[in-house]
């Protein structure tokens, strides 16, 4: 678990125009898991936000996140710094790369979200490979970013759709993994409505902790049944 935290921990970019926060909580008792997260500076006031979720828990899933970390930046992102970056093209490459890496293994499924936050153009461009839809909080209103696509590992070659949303000062972009909203409890509770929680939990001190506490309270559960990761970007 300590090794995974060290490998995955992003060097959050420093920017006067942005504030990034990252929280990661593996399944209680397992210490490591299948959630992947990163924030990478692309140059020219552009930032790449990544969140992924490897199917399964524990050491096997954690091992795959290490492979993701080992290939994403050196094999793809580094060459794109200072150039145009397409989240959809990146996910298409990642799908092919992971299919090659696990060509002799069946049932290796990864959901993944990639978005580029461009402060100069005031745009957030994003693509989604089967991952939970992020939310943006703008002017006190919560909106889902609904673009979808096949998870990584379902087919050798996949084309992903790409969309963009205009961002302004004060907006908060919220990325997360499904452990935050799919909580098993004794009463068989339905998935958590994160949009409703974000309506009530306003950005500020201990923002992630308050979101996590609200999700547990709504479910009635004492702990999460899956790994939980939250990545937020606040535009100043």
Protein backbone atom coordinates (compact mmCIF):
# COMPACT_ATOMS: atom_id res chain seq x y z
CA UNK A 1 0.00 0.00 0.00
CA UNK A 2 2.78 2.44 0.87
CA UNK A 3 4.58 1.56 -2.36
CA UNK A 4 1.45 2.18 -4.43
CA UNK A 5 0.85 5.54 -2.78
CA UNK A 6 4.43 6.53 -3.54
CA UNK A 7 4.17 5.44 -7.18
CA UNK A 8 0.79 7.03 -7.87
CA UNK A 9 1.11 10.21 -5.82
CA UNK A 10 1.02 13.03 -8.37
CA UNK A 11 3.22 16.09 -8.16
CA UNK A 12 0.24 18.43 -8.27
CA UNK A 13 1.03 21.37 -10.56
CA UNK A 14 1.26 24.78 -8.93
CA UNK A 15 -0.86 27.46 -10.59
CA UNK A 16 -2.30 30.79 -9.55
CA UNK A 17 -5.40 29.99 -11.59
CA UNK A 18 -6.09 26.50 -10.24
CA UNK A 19 -6.23 24.51 -7.05
CA UNK A 20 -5.99 20.71 -7.27
CA UNK A 21 -6.95 18.25 -4.55
CA UNK A 22 -6.56 14.46 -4.60
CA UNK A 23 -7.85 11.90 -2.08
CA UNK A 24 -7.35 8.13 -2.29
CA UNK A 25 -8.79 5.53 0.10
CA UNK A 26 -8.33 1.80 -0.70
CA UNK A 27 -10.74 -0.82 0.61
CA UNK A 28 -10.33 -1.09 4.37
CA UNK A 29 -7.91 -3.87 5.26
CA UNK A 30 -6.40 -4.26 1.76
CA UNK A 31 -4.15 -1.17 1.85
CA UNK A 32 -3.83 -1.03 -1.95
CA UNK A 33 -6.26 -1.19 -4.86
CA UNK A 34 -7.15 -0.56 -8.47
CA UNK A 35 -7.74 3.19 -8.59
CA UNK A 36 -5.46 5.30 -10.79
CA UNK A 37 -5.16 9.09 -10.66
CA UNK A 38 -2.84 11.79 -11.94
CA UNK A 39 -2.64 15.49 -12.77
CA UNK A 40 -0.02 16.51 -15.37
CA UNK A 41 1.00 19.97 -16.60
CA UNK A 42 0.95 20.04 -20.42
CA UNK A 43 2.36 23.53 -20.83
CA UNK A 44 0.65 26.78 -21.87
CA UNK A 45 -1.76 26.75 -18.92
CA UNK A 46 -3.14 23.30 -19.84
CA UNK A 47 -3.54 20.47 -17.35
CA UNK A 48 -4.30 16.78 -17.93
CA UNK A 49 -6.62 15.18 -15.36
CA UNK A 50 -6.72 11.38 -15.27
CA UNK A 51 -8.80 8.96 -13.20
CA UNK A 52 -9.10 5.23 -13.79
CA UNK A 53 -10.39 2.09 -12.09
CA UNK A 54 -8.99 -1.40 -12.65
CA UNK A 55 -11.52 -4.19 -12.10
CA UNK A 56 -10.93 -6.00 -8.82
CA UNK A 57 -9.21 -5.16 -5.56
CA UNK A 58 -5.97 -5.63 -3.74
CA UNK A 59 -2.52 -6.51 -5.06
CA UNK A 60 -3.52 -7.67 -8.57
CA UNK A 61 -5.41 -4.46 -9.32
CA UNK A 62 -2.65 -2.39 -7.71
CA UNK A 63 -0.07 -4.05 -9.94
CA UNK A 64 -2.00 -2.92 -13.02
CA UNK A 65 -2.09 0.68 -11.76
CA UNK A 66 1.70 0.49 -11.56
CA UNK A 67 1.84 -0.55 -15.22
CA UNK A 68 -0.45 2.35 -16.14
CA UNK A 69 1.85 4.75 -14.32
CA UNK A 70 4.86 3.26 -16.07
CA UNK A 71 3.52 3.70 -19.62
CA UNK A 72 1.17 6.70 -19.70
CA UNK A 73 3.63 9.54 -19.17
CA UNK A 74 6.84 8.21 -20.75
CA UNK A 75 5.19 6.56 -23.77
CA UNK A 76 2.47 9.09 -24.61
CA UNK A 77 2.06 12.23 -22.52
CA UNK A 78 5.70 13.38 -22.51
CA UNK A 79 5.73 13.67 -26.32
CA UNK A 80 2.47 15.68 -26.22
CA UNK A 81 3.66 18.38 -23.81
CA UNK A 82 3.45 21.74 -25.53
CA UNK A 83 1.30 20.30 -28.34
CA UNK A 84 -2.41 19.78 -28.84
CA UNK A 85 -3.67 16.93 -26.66
CA UNK A 86 -6.79 14.97 -27.59
CA UNK A 87 -8.30 13.03 -24.66
CA UNK A 88 -10.15 10.80 -27.13
CA UNK A 89 -6.97 9.91 -29.06
CA UNK A 90 -5.18 9.24 -25.80
CA UNK A 91 -7.86 6.79 -24.62
CA UNK A 92 -7.76 5.03 -28.00
CA UNK A 93 -4.00 4.60 -27.60
CA UNK A 94 -4.32 3.46 -23.98
CA UNK A 95 -6.87 0.83 -24.95
CA UNK A 96 -4.56 -0.60 -27.62
CA UNK A 97 -1.55 -0.42 -25.30
CA UNK A 98 -3.29 -2.24 -22.46
CA UNK A 99 -4.71 -4.85 -24.82
CA UNK A 100 -1.17 -5.56 -25.96
CA UNK A 101 0.16 -5.62 -22.39
CA UNK A 102 -2.49 -8.11 -21.29
CA UNK A 103 -2.88 -10.01 -24.57
CA UNK A 104 -2.51 -13.37 -22.82
CA UNK A 105 -4.88 -12.44 -19.99
CA UNK A 106 -8.67 -12.45 -20.19
CA UNK A 107 -11.13 -10.20 -18.37
CA UNK A 108 -8.74 -7.32 -17.73
CA UNK A 109 -11.14 -4.36 -17.78
CA UNK A 110 -10.22 -0.78 -16.90
CA UNK A 111 -12.50 2.25 -16.86
CA UNK A 112 -10.76 5.55 -17.51
CA UNK A 113 -11.49 9.26 -17.79
CA UNK A 114 -9.18 11.84 -19.36
CA UNK A 115 -9.74 15.59 -19.49
CA UNK A 116 -7.64 18.61 -20.48
CA UNK A 117 -8.32 21.79 -18.55
CA UNK A 118 -7.23 24.74 -20.72
CA UNK A 119 -7.19 28.00 -18.81
CA UNK A 120 -6.27 30.13 -21.84
CA UNK A 121 -9.26 28.95 -23.86
CA UNK A 122 -11.44 28.49 -20.73
CA UNK A 123 -12.35 24.97 -21.84
CA UNK A 124 -12.41 21.50 -20.34
CA UNK A 125 -12.09 18.87 -23.11
CA UNK A 126 -12.74 15.30 -22.08
CA UNK A 127 -13.35 11.70 -23.14
CA UNK A 128 -14.57 8.71 -21.18
CA UNK A 129 -13.82 4.98 -21.39
CA UNK A 130 -16.65 3.48 -19.36
CA UNK A 131 -15.91 5.56 -16.26
CA UNK A 132 -18.34 7.35 -13.94
CA UNK A 133 -19.42 10.71 -15.32
CA UNK A 134 -17.67 13.62 -13.59
CA UNK A 135 -19.53 16.68 -12.33
CA UNK A 136 -18.85 20.37 -12.70
CA UNK A 137 -20.17 22.86 -10.16
CA UNK A 138 -20.62 26.26 -11.80
CA UNK A 139 -22.38 29.29 -10.31
CA UNK A 140 -23.82 27.05 -7.60
CA UNK A 141 -25.35 24.61 -10.11
CA UNK A 142 -24.21 21.00 -10.46
CA UNK A 143 -23.99 19.50 -13.97
CA UNK A 144 -22.96 16.03 -15.11
CA UNK A 145 -20.45 15.60 -17.94
CA UNK A 146 -22.21 12.78 -19.76
CA UNK A 147 -19.93 11.59 -22.60
CA UNK A 148 -19.39 7.81 -22.54
CA UNK A 149 -17.41 5.10 -24.32
CA UNK A 150 -16.40 1.47 -23.97
CA UNK A 151 -14.15 0.50 -21.09
CA UNK A 152 -10.56 -0.35 -21.91
CA UNK A 153 -10.12 -4.03 -22.64
CA UNK A 154 -13.44 -4.82 -24.36
CA UNK A 155 -12.05 -4.59 -27.92
CA UNK A 156 -8.64 -4.23 -29.55
CA UNK A 157 -9.48 -0.93 -31.22
CA UNK A 158 -12.00 1.63 -29.96
CA UNK A 159 -12.78 5.18 -31.12
CA UNK A 160 -13.84 7.53 -28.35
CA UNK A 161 -16.07 10.58 -28.48
CA UNK A 162 -14.78 13.89 -27.18
CA UNK A 163 -16.72 16.81 -25.75
CA UNK A 164 -15.91 20.13 -24.12
CA UNK A 165 -17.48 22.46 -21.61
CA UNK A 166 -16.81 26.15 -21.00
CA UNK A 167 -15.28 26.92 -17.59
CA UNK A 168 -15.17 30.18 -15.65
CA UNK A 169 -13.70 31.45 -12.40
CA UNK A 170 -15.22 29.69 -9.39
CA UNK A 171 -16.01 26.42 -11.21
CA UNK A 172 -15.11 23.11 -9.53
CA UNK A 173 -14.54 19.95 -11.58
CA UNK A 174 -15.08 16.71 -9.63
CA UNK A 175 -13.66 13.38 -10.84
CA UNK A 176 -14.10 10.18 -8.81
CA UNK A 177 -14.19 6.41 -8.91
CA UNK A 178 -17.29 4.25 -8.45
CA UNK A 179 -16.38 3.24 -4.90
CA UNK A 180 -17.68 6.62 -3.77
CA UNK A 181 -21.23 5.98 -5.00
CA UNK A 182 -21.61 2.18 -5.14
CA UNK A 183 -21.65 1.28 -1.46
CA UNK A 184 -22.91 -2.10 -0.29
CA UNK A 185 -25.01 -1.94 2.85
CA UNK A 186 -27.27 -4.26 4.82
CA UNK A 187 -30.43 -2.67 3.43
CA UNK A 188 -29.27 -3.06 -0.18
CA UNK A 189 -29.16 0.70 -0.70
CA UNK A 190 -29.19 2.10 -4.25
CA UNK A 191 -26.18 3.95 -5.73
CA UNK A 192 -25.49 7.31 -4.14
CA UNK A 193 -26.66 10.40 -6.05
CA UNK A 194 -23.41 12.36 -6.07
CA UNK A 195 -24.98 15.34 -7.79
CA UNK A 196 -27.29 15.79 -4.81
CA UNK A 197 -24.34 15.60 -2.42
CA UNK A 198 -22.40 18.20 -4.40
CA UNK A 199 -25.44 20.46 -4.16
CA UNK A 200 -25.14 20.39 -0.38
CA UNK A 201 -21.37 20.15 0.15
CA UNK A 202 -19.79 23.44 -0.87
CA UNK A 203 -16.13 23.80 -1.79
CA UNK A 204 -13.88 24.74 1.12
CA UNK A 205 -11.87 23.23 3.94
CA UNK A 206 -11.85 19.39 4.03
CA UNK A 207 -13.95 19.29 0.88
CA UNK A 208 -13.22 15.66 0.06
CA UNK A 209 -13.73 14.46 3.62
CA UNK A 210 -17.14 16.14 3.75
CA UNK A 211 -18.13 14.51 0.43
CA UNK A 212 -17.00 11.10 1.72
CA UNK A 213 -18.85 11.56 5.01
CA UNK A 214 -22.03 12.60 3.16
CA UNK A 215 -21.86 9.52 0.91
CA UNK A 216 -21.50 7.19 3.89
CA UNK A 217 -24.32 8.94 5.74
CA UNK A 218 -26.67 8.66 2.77
CA UNK A 219 -25.92 4.95 2.36
CA UNK A 220 -26.12 4.15 6.08
CA UNK A 221 -22.89 2.17 5.75
CA UNK A 222 -19.93 2.49 8.10
CA UNK A 223 -17.26 2.03 5.44
CA UNK A 224 -16.80 1.75 1.69
CA UNK A 225 -16.87 -1.59 -0.12
CA UNK A 226 -14.54 -0.44 -2.95
CA UNK A 227 -11.56 1.83 -3.43
CA UNK A 228 -12.46 5.54 -3.40
CA UNK A 229 -10.62 8.29 -5.26
CA UNK A 230 -11.62 11.93 -5.67
CA UNK A 231 -9.80 14.48 -7.84
CA UNK A 232 -11.00 18.08 -7.94
CA UNK A 233 -9.85 21.19 -9.80
CA UNK A 234 -11.02 24.60 -8.58
CA UNK A 235 -10.65 27.48 -11.02
CA UNK A 236 -9.79 30.78 -9.35
